[in-house]
Protein backbone atom coordinates (compact mmCIF):
# COMPACT_ATOMS: atom_id res chain seq x y z
CA MET A 1 36.77 35.41 -68.54
CA TYR A 2 38.16 33.22 -65.76
CA ASP A 3 41.58 34.85 -66.04
CA LEU A 4 40.06 38.33 -65.83
CA ILE A 5 38.11 37.32 -62.72
CA ALA A 6 41.23 35.85 -61.12
CA LYS A 7 43.00 39.20 -61.60
CA LEU A 8 40.07 41.12 -60.12
CA PHE A 9 39.55 38.76 -57.19
CA PRO A 10 42.11 40.19 -54.68
CA ILE A 11 40.88 43.79 -54.96
CA CYS A 12 38.88 45.20 -52.05
CA ARG A 13 35.84 46.77 -53.70
CA SER A 14 32.85 48.56 -52.25
CA ILE A 15 29.98 50.72 -53.47
CA THR A 16 32.39 53.67 -53.71
CA GLY A 17 36.13 54.15 -53.67
CA ASP A 18 39.38 53.30 -55.33
CA GLY A 19 38.79 49.55 -55.41
CA PHE A 20 35.81 50.03 -57.72
CA ARG A 21 37.79 52.41 -59.94
CA LYS A 22 40.76 50.05 -60.17
CA SER A 23 38.47 47.13 -61.07
CA LEU A 24 36.72 49.15 -63.75
CA GLN A 25 40.08 50.15 -65.22
CA MET A 26 41.12 46.48 -65.37
CA ILE A 27 37.96 45.70 -67.33
CA GLN A 28 38.76 48.61 -69.64
CA ASP A 29 42.22 47.11 -70.18
CA TYR A 30 40.47 43.82 -71.08
CA LEU A 31 38.47 45.72 -73.75
CA PRO A 32 41.10 47.93 -75.41
CA GLU A 33 39.01 48.52 -78.54
CA THR A 34 35.82 49.54 -76.70
CA GLU A 35 35.76 52.63 -74.51
CA ILE A 36 34.00 52.42 -71.17
CA SER A 37 32.58 55.84 -70.29
CA VAL A 38 33.25 56.48 -66.59
CA PHE A 39 30.99 58.72 -64.51
CA GLU A 40 31.60 60.14 -61.02
CA VAL A 41 28.59 61.25 -58.97
CA PRO A 42 29.35 63.34 -55.84
CA THR A 43 28.69 62.31 -52.25
CA GLY A 44 25.34 63.63 -51.04
CA THR A 45 23.67 63.56 -54.46
CA GLN A 46 19.97 62.75 -54.12
CA VAL A 47 18.99 59.71 -56.20
CA PHE A 48 15.26 59.22 -55.83
CA ASP A 49 14.69 58.41 -52.13
CA TRP A 50 18.40 57.78 -51.42
CA LYS A 51 21.58 59.82 -51.07
CA ILE A 52 25.03 58.77 -52.21
CA PRO A 53 27.04 58.10 -49.01
CA ASP A 54 30.55 59.23 -48.18
CA GLU A 55 33.25 57.60 -50.28
CA TRP A 56 35.08 54.81 -48.42
CA ASN A 57 38.64 53.60 -48.83
CA ILE A 58 40.73 51.20 -46.76
CA ARG A 59 44.45 50.49 -46.70
CA ASP A 60 45.04 47.97 -43.92
CA ALA A 61 43.43 46.24 -40.94
CA TYR A 62 44.21 43.56 -38.39
CA ILE A 63 43.60 42.26 -34.87
CA GLU A 64 46.59 40.99 -32.91
CA ASN A 65 46.91 39.52 -29.44
CA SER A 66 49.37 40.57 -26.77
CA SER A 67 52.05 38.32 -28.31
CA GLY A 68 51.76 40.11 -31.67
CA GLU A 69 50.02 37.16 -33.33
CA ARG A 70 47.50 38.38 -35.91
CA ILE A 71 44.09 36.86 -35.30
CA VAL A 72 42.68 38.43 -38.45
CA ASP A 73 44.59 40.16 -41.21
CA PHE A 74 43.11 42.27 -44.03
CA LYS A 75 46.07 41.29 -46.20
CA ARG A 76 45.02 37.63 -45.93
CA SER A 77 41.38 38.32 -46.78
CA ASN A 78 39.65 41.64 -47.30
CA LEU A 79 36.45 40.04 -46.02
CA TYR A 80 37.84 40.24 -42.48
CA VAL A 81 36.77 43.90 -42.30
CA LEU A 82 33.12 44.91 -42.04
CA GLY A 83 32.38 46.64 -45.31
CA TYR A 84 32.50 50.43 -44.91
CA SER A 85 33.95 50.16 -41.41
CA GLY A 86 35.41 53.30 -39.93
CA PRO A 87 38.98 53.54 -38.61
CA ILE A 88 40.18 52.38 -35.24
CA ASP A 89 43.49 52.00 -33.39
CA LYS A 90 42.68 50.64 -29.95
CA THR A 91 43.74 47.97 -27.46
CA VAL A 92 40.79 46.22 -25.79
CA SER A 93 39.87 43.28 -23.62
CA LEU A 94 38.34 40.12 -25.09
CA GLU A 95 34.94 41.18 -23.78
CA GLU A 96 35.10 44.50 -25.60
CA LEU A 97 36.58 42.93 -28.73
CA GLN A 98 33.55 40.66 -29.04
CA THR A 99 31.32 43.70 -29.50
CA TYR A 100 33.20 44.52 -32.72
CA LEU A 101 33.05 41.00 -34.20
CA TYR A 102 30.57 39.44 -36.66
CA SER A 103 30.42 35.73 -37.50
CA LEU A 104 28.08 33.02 -38.81
CA PRO A 105 27.41 30.25 -36.22
CA ALA A 106 25.62 28.21 -38.91
CA GLN A 107 28.78 28.25 -41.06
CA PRO A 108 31.54 28.32 -38.46
CA ASP A 109 34.52 27.94 -40.82
CA VAL A 110 33.88 30.81 -43.25
CA ILE A 111 34.28 34.57 -43.05
CA PRO A 112 30.88 36.22 -43.61
CA TYR A 113 30.53 39.16 -45.97
CA MET A 114 28.78 41.94 -44.05
CA THR A 115 28.47 45.68 -44.63
CA SER A 116 27.18 48.85 -43.02
CA TYR A 117 26.94 51.40 -45.82
CA TYR A 118 24.34 53.76 -44.39
CA LYS A 119 25.07 53.63 -40.66
CA LYS A 120 28.61 54.31 -39.55
CA ARG A 121 30.08 51.34 -37.67
CA ILE A 122 33.44 49.83 -36.87
CA GLY A 123 33.88 46.10 -37.04
CA PHE A 124 35.54 42.91 -38.16
CA CYS A 125 34.10 39.72 -39.66
CA ILE A 126 35.61 36.44 -38.52
CA GLU A 127 35.12 32.68 -38.71
CA ASP A 128 32.85 31.66 -35.84
CA SER A 129 35.14 28.73 -34.98
CA ARG A 130 38.09 31.11 -34.60
CA ARG A 131 35.99 33.55 -32.60
CA LYS A 132 35.13 30.82 -30.09
CA GLN A 133 38.82 29.95 -29.66
CA LEU A 134 39.81 33.47 -28.56
CA LYS A 135 41.29 33.50 -25.06
CA GLU A 136 41.29 36.10 -22.31
CA ASP A 137 43.92 38.59 -23.40
CA THR A 138 44.35 42.12 -24.64
CA TYR A 139 43.85 42.69 -28.36
CA HIS A 140 45.03 45.47 -30.62
CA MET A 141 42.37 46.43 -33.19
CA TYR A 142 43.63 48.44 -36.14
CA ILE A 143 41.71 49.63 -39.21
CA ASP A 144 43.26 52.19 -41.53
CA SER A 145 40.19 53.42 -43.41
CA GLU A 146 38.40 56.68 -44.08
CA TRP A 147 35.05 58.15 -44.97
CA LYS A 148 35.27 61.29 -47.04
CA GLN A 149 33.38 63.55 -49.40
CA GLY A 150 34.00 61.85 -52.73
CA HIS A 151 32.12 60.11 -55.50
CA LEU A 152 30.20 57.04 -56.59
CA THR A 153 31.68 55.64 -59.81
CA TYR A 154 30.03 53.68 -62.62
CA GLY A 155 30.89 52.64 -66.17
CA GLU A 156 28.76 52.56 -69.31
CA VAL A 157 29.18 51.19 -72.83
CA ILE A 158 26.65 51.96 -75.58
CA LEU A 159 27.05 50.19 -78.92
CA PRO A 160 24.70 51.72 -81.54
CA GLY A 161 22.65 49.61 -83.94
CA LYS A 162 20.26 50.23 -86.82
CA SER A 163 17.47 50.95 -84.35
CA GLU A 164 17.57 53.21 -81.32
CA LYS A 165 15.63 50.48 -79.49
CA GLU A 166 17.95 48.96 -76.91
CA VAL A 167 18.94 45.70 -75.25
CA PHE A 168 20.22 46.39 -71.74
CA PHE A 169 22.79 44.52 -69.62
CA SER A 170 23.49 45.52 -66.02
CA THR A 171 26.09 44.03 -63.69
CA TYR A 172 27.59 45.12 -60.38
CA LEU A 173 31.20 45.53 -59.32
CA CYS A 174 31.04 46.49 -55.65
CA HIS A 175 31.77 43.43 -53.49
CA PRO A 176 35.22 42.39 -52.29
CA SER A 177 36.72 38.95 -52.95
CA MET A 178 33.80 36.75 -53.96
CA ALA A 179 33.92 34.98 -57.30
CA ASN A 180 30.43 33.80 -58.29
CA ASN A 181 28.31 36.41 -56.55
CA GLU A 182 30.52 39.33 -57.46
CA LEU A 183 32.88 38.81 -60.36
CA SER A 184 31.22 36.27 -62.64
CA GLY A 185 28.73 38.91 -63.81
CA PRO A 186 31.31 41.53 -64.84
CA GLY A 187 33.42 38.79 -66.44
CA VAL A 188 30.58 37.56 -68.64
CA VAL A 189 29.36 41.08 -69.45
CA ALA A 190 32.86 42.14 -70.51
CA GLU A 191 32.95 39.23 -72.96
CA LEU A 192 29.42 40.04 -74.20
CA ILE A 193 30.62 43.59 -74.96
CA ARG A 194 33.42 42.09 -77.02
CA TYR A 195 30.91 39.84 -78.84
CA VAL A 196 28.45 42.63 -79.66
CA ALA A 197 31.21 45.07 -80.64
CA ALA A 198 32.49 42.52 -83.18
CA LYS A 199 29.09 42.16 -84.89
CA LYS A 200 29.28 43.84 -88.30
CA GLU A 201 25.57 44.66 -88.24
CA ARG A 202 23.42 45.20 -85.18
CA ASN A 203 19.67 45.53 -85.51
CA TYR A 204 19.46 47.00 -82.00
CA THR A 205 21.52 49.29 -79.80
CA TYR A 206 23.18 47.72 -76.76
CA ARG A 207 23.59 49.40 -73.36
CA PHE A 208 25.97 47.82 -70.82
CA ILE A 209 26.62 49.20 -67.33
CA PHE A 210 29.02 48.33 -64.49
CA ILE A 211 27.62 49.76 -61.27
CA PRO A 212 27.64 49.31 -57.50
CA GLU A 213 24.61 47.22 -56.55
CA THR A 214 21.40 48.99 -55.43
CA ILE A 215 22.71 52.54 -54.99
CA GLY A 216 24.39 52.34 -58.39
CA ALA A 217 21.22 51.15 -60.12
CA LEU A 218 19.24 53.93 -58.43
CA THR A 219 21.86 56.49 -59.41
CA TYR A 220 21.93 55.33 -63.03
CA LEU A 221 18.14 55.27 -63.26
CA SER A 222 17.86 58.76 -61.75
CA ARG A 223 20.03 60.10 -64.57
CA ASN A 224 18.74 58.02 -67.50
CA LEU A 225 15.22 56.82 -66.73
CA GLU A 226 13.20 58.62 -69.40
CA GLU A 227 15.57 57.55 -72.16
CA MET A 228 15.66 53.99 -70.85
CA LYS A 229 11.86 53.74 -70.69
CA ARG A 230 11.62 55.00 -74.24
CA LYS A 231 14.28 52.76 -75.72
CA ILE A 232 14.80 49.50 -73.79
CA ILE A 233 12.90 46.50 -75.16
CA ALA A 234 14.61 43.83 -73.02
CA GLY A 235 17.11 43.90 -70.18
CA PHE A 236 19.15 41.44 -68.15
CA ASN A 237 20.72 41.77 -64.69
CA VAL A 238 23.82 39.57 -64.87
CA THR A 239 25.08 38.01 -61.64
CA CYS A 240 26.00 34.56 -60.24
CA VAL A 241 26.83 33.09 -63.64
CA GLY A 242 30.12 31.29 -62.96
CA ASP A 243 29.38 27.93 -61.34
CA GLU A 244 28.31 24.69 -63.05
CA ARG A 245 25.10 24.09 -61.15
CA ALA A 246 21.66 24.32 -62.78
CA PHE A 247 20.54 27.49 -64.55
CA SER A 248 17.88 29.64 -62.93
CA TYR A 249 15.84 32.63 -63.96
CA VAL A 250 14.15 35.42 -61.97
CA GLU A 251 11.06 36.81 -63.67
CA SER A 252 10.15 40.45 -64.10
CA ARG A 253 7.50 41.80 -61.74
CA TYR A 254 4.62 40.19 -63.65
CA GLY A 255 6.63 37.71 -65.72
CA ASN A 256 5.14 39.00 -68.97
CA THR A 257 7.79 41.19 -70.62
CA TYR A 258 9.67 40.61 -73.84
CA ALA A 259 12.76 39.81 -71.74
CA ASP A 260 10.77 37.05 -69.96
CA ARG A 261 9.76 35.56 -73.31
CA VAL A 262 13.33 35.61 -74.57
CA ALA A 263 14.77 34.13 -71.36
CA ARG A 264 12.24 31.29 -71.20
CA ASN A 265 12.67 30.42 -74.87
CA VAL A 266 16.46 30.37 -74.72
CA LEU A 267 16.65 28.43 -71.45
CA ARG A 268 14.09 25.89 -72.64
CA GLY A 269 16.29 25.10 -75.61
CA PHE A 270 19.68 25.25 -73.85
CA CYS A 271 18.93 23.67 -70.48
CA PRO A 272 15.32 22.46 -70.11
CA GLN A 273 15.76 21.67 -66.39
CA TYR A 274 16.29 25.32 -65.43
CA LYS A 275 14.54 26.66 -62.32
CA THR A 276 12.16 29.62 -62.41
CA TYR A 277 11.87 32.09 -59.51
CA SER A 278 9.08 34.63 -59.33
CA PHE A 279 9.76 38.31 -58.73
CA LEU A 280 8.81 37.64 -55.10
CA GLU A 281 12.15 35.80 -54.81
CA ARG A 282 14.22 38.62 -56.35
CA GLY A 283 17.46 39.70 -54.72
CA SER A 284 19.62 41.91 -56.92
CA ASP A 285 19.14 44.97 -59.14
CA GLU A 286 16.16 43.45 -60.94
CA ARG A 287 14.43 44.92 -57.87
CA GLN A 288 15.17 48.47 -58.95
CA TYR A 289 14.47 48.02 -62.65
CA ASN A 290 11.00 46.58 -62.01
CA MET A 291 9.74 48.97 -59.34
CA PRO A 292 6.49 50.91 -59.97
CA GLY A 293 7.17 53.95 -62.11
CA ILE A 294 10.42 52.40 -63.38
CA ASP A 295 8.78 49.39 -65.04
CA LEU A 296 11.66 48.29 -67.24
CA PRO A 297 11.53 44.83 -68.88
CA VAL A 298 14.45 43.33 -66.94
CA VAL A 299 14.99 39.74 -65.80
CA SER A 300 17.97 37.82 -64.46
CA ILE A 301 19.41 34.58 -65.83
CA MET A 302 21.81 32.95 -63.37
CA ARG A 303 23.39 29.62 -62.51
CA SER A 304 22.90 29.15 -58.75
CA LYS A 305 20.61 31.96 -57.69
CA LEU A 306 22.04 34.41 -55.19
CA GLY A 307 21.22 33.37 -51.66
CA GLU A 308 20.49 29.80 -52.76
CA TYR A 309 23.99 28.31 -52.70
CA PRO A 310 25.98 27.72 -49.50
CA GLU A 311 29.06 29.76 -50.42
CA TYR A 312 27.02 32.92 -51.09
CA HIS A 313 28.26 36.06 -49.26
CA THR A 314 31.11 34.23 -47.56
CA SER A 315 34.81 33.63 -48.07
CA ALA A 316 33.89 30.20 -49.48
CA ASP A 317 32.70 31.93 -52.68
CA ASP A 318 36.23 31.76 -54.03
CA LEU A 319 37.76 30.90 -57.39
CA THR A 320 37.03 27.19 -56.89
CA VAL A 321 33.28 27.84 -57.00
CA ILE A 322 33.42 29.08 -60.59
CA SER A 323 34.98 27.47 -63.65
CA PRO A 324 35.79 28.32 -67.27
CA LYS A 325 33.02 25.93 -68.36
CA GLY A 326 30.45 27.50 -66.03
CA LEU A 327 31.28 30.97 -67.34
CA ALA A 328 31.33 29.78 -70.96
CA ASP A 329 27.90 28.17 -70.74
CA SER A 330 26.42 31.32 -69.17
CA TYR A 331 28.05 33.39 -71.91
CA ARG A 332 26.49 31.10 -74.54
CA VAL A 333 23.04 31.49 -73.00
CA TYR A 334 23.31 35.28 -73.10
CA VAL A 335 24.66 35.19 -76.67
CA ARG A 336 21.57 33.16 -77.61
CA CYS A 337 19.42 35.83 -75.96
CA ILE A 338 21.16 38.47 -78.07
CA GLU A 339 20.77 36.48 -81.28
CA THR A 340 17.14 35.66 -80.51
CA ILE A 341 16.35 39.36 -80.07
CA GLU A 342 18.39 40.30 -83.15
CA HIS A 343 16.56 37.87 -85.43
CA ASN A 344 13.08 37.65 -83.94
CA ALA A 345 10.39 38.89 -86.31
CA CYS A 346 6.77 38.47 -87.39
CA TYR A 347 6.13 36.98 -90.83
CA ARG A 348 3.09 36.47 -93.04
CA LEU A 349 2.60 33.66 -95.57
CA LYS A 350 2.09 35.21 -99.02
CA CYS A 351 0.07 32.43 -100.68
CA LEU A 352 -3.26 30.81 -99.89
CA GLY A 353 -3.18 27.24 -98.68
CA GLU A 354 -0.02 25.26 -98.16
CA PRO A 355 2.71 26.32 -100.59
CA GLN A 356 4.26 23.65 -102.79
CA LEU A 357 7.51 23.25 -100.91
CA GLY A 358 8.84 20.25 -102.85
CA ARG A 359 9.59 22.21 -106.03
CA ARG A 360 11.51 24.70 -103.92
CA ASN A 361 13.62 21.92 -102.31
CA LEU A 362 12.12 22.70 -98.90
CA TYR A 363 10.15 19.47 -98.53
CA SER A 364 10.97 15.89 -99.47
CA THR A 365 9.42 14.89 -102.80
CA LEU A 366 9.71 11.24 -101.81
CA SER A 367 6.95 10.04 -99.52
CA SER A 368 8.45 7.95 -96.74
CA LYS A 369 7.72 6.82 -93.20
CA ASP A 370 11.30 7.67 -92.16
CA LYS A 371 10.95 9.43 -88.80
CA GLU A 372 13.58 12.11 -89.39
CA ASN A 373 12.08 12.92 -92.77
CA LEU A 374 8.59 13.15 -91.30
CA LYS A 375 9.83 15.34 -88.44
CA SER A 376 11.58 17.75 -90.81
CA ASN A 377 8.51 18.03 -93.04
CA LYS A 378 6.21 18.52 -90.05
CA THR A 379 8.42 21.26 -88.58
CA ILE A 380 8.33 23.42 -91.71
CA LEU A 381 4.57 22.92 -92.14
CA ASN A 382 3.95 23.79 -88.48
CA LEU A 383 6.05 26.92 -88.85
CA ILE A 384 4.15 28.05 -91.93
CA ALA A 385 0.80 27.32 -90.25
CA TYR A 386 1.45 30.06 -87.68
CA MET A 387 2.97 32.64 -90.02
CA ASP A 388 -0.16 34.76 -90.13
CA GLY A 389 1.50 38.04 -89.12
CA SER A 390 0.35 37.85 -85.49
CA ASN A 391 3.04 35.53 -84.12
CA ASP A 392 6.75 36.26 -83.91
CA LEU A 393 9.35 33.50 -84.16
CA ILE A 394 9.56 33.17 -80.36
CA ASP A 395 5.79 32.57 -80.21
CA ILE A 396 6.03 29.92 -82.89
CA SER A 397 9.14 28.30 -81.40
CA ASP A 398 7.33 27.95 -78.08
CA ARG A 399 4.14 26.68 -79.70
CA ILE A 400 5.68 24.03 -81.96
CA HIS A 401 8.40 23.04 -79.45
CA THR A 402 11.27 23.69 -81.84
CA PRO A 403 14.44 25.63 -80.98
CA PHE A 404 14.46 29.24 -82.13
CA GLU A 405 17.63 28.85 -84.18
CA ASP A 406 16.07 25.97 -86.14
CA ILE A 407 12.95 27.87 -87.14
CA ARG A 408 14.97 30.98 -87.83
CA ALA A 409 17.03 28.99 -90.36
CA ILE A 410 13.83 27.76 -92.05
CA ALA A 411 12.38 31.29 -92.07
CA ASP A 412 15.51 32.52 -93.87
CA LYS A 413 14.91 29.92 -96.60
CA LEU A 414 11.24 30.85 -96.88
CA LEU A 415 12.20 34.51 -97.24
CA ALA A 416 14.75 33.67 -99.93
CA CYS A 417 12.04 31.80 -101.84
CA GLY A 418 9.64 34.73 -101.54
CA LEU A 419 7.02 32.68 -99.70
CA ILE A 420 6.80 34.96 -96.66
CA SER A 421 7.10 38.65 -95.95
CA GLY A 422 7.74 40.67 -92.84
CA ALA A 423 4.58 41.74 -91.03
CA ASP A 424 3.85 45.18 -89.57
CA GLY A 425 4.46 45.61 -85.83
CA GLY A 426 7.88 44.26 -85.00
CA ALA A 427 8.54 41.35 -82.70
CA ASP A 428 9.39 43.80 -79.90
CA ALA A 429 6.16 45.78 -80.23
């Protein structure tokens, strides 16, 4: 995952254009056995209350002083250009140059990431410390970019399962060179596709999409909403999953969906000190998936939440912010979400009273005060006590404070012994 991200990092991406297409092709190359379906939606297409803007591409940009010294250079960092900036080839005074510059006084040594997708502007982003050092001179501003009638691009992978009910993963691929905010999500999702594709049996169908943020989610929803509302039982917006700071989770609009239950259960077992953010603190495409009339069960599990770490939306969000371990732990959390959904179920005890577990080798036949023995016996009895057909395994895991994978293993033994049966009304009902 880290190597894939490192290859993607230098590419200048935006919500449309060749950078997005090139990045998507590199992910396809990473997944040679799984086809990514690529869709192109024309400029001007109405998507709910929005329209797809002109396609934008850029080839070069710089500012140089009268001595030919480059003050900023697109080839050094693609963040130096205001995202979606129009072209310019003009020599100006320092006073006029300042009207084209954007910087962050609070973080004077980083290049800010700024964009103007829906209002045509021309501009450069620059470190505030460098901006303050500019001297009276003439400056040549050059941006070789274009707006044109083109397309918005997105990619989709659907892996069928036994049920048409779906688990949904969305990630965005539209920012330039930022590692945690931009590329950690696609990196982890690409590996999750590989994981799900390798499963010999899938109880559910899996839908993965690579989109430009906001306008891409709106575009995808406008073309697939009815099917998504009918099929999706849980969804996850995957972003900011590459660092090694604490895990965090953004709830759905009311915090009461199946995806919320899965996320809380998995995080409680994997990293109990995770931080919960309400939907009021949302920031990415979970916004679109939870809006009234859309109402999809989508949450976001992250490491450092977007907007909450200092490198966010700046040149400091580079490859040193993420790590193989940070990506791997996020991948493991999402794999646990997948496995929890795959194996969650409601069960009903088939006998009256406590079953005799000892003769089935499920309970110690030697009475002892040994703590581990007592804990093991108590866990299986607690599990059985709530197998009345109304609780799924997530409910019981939460109630008896035992990891899902532990009670799932016990449930498999109880099934093999014929002591429980599946109840009507699946766990995702």
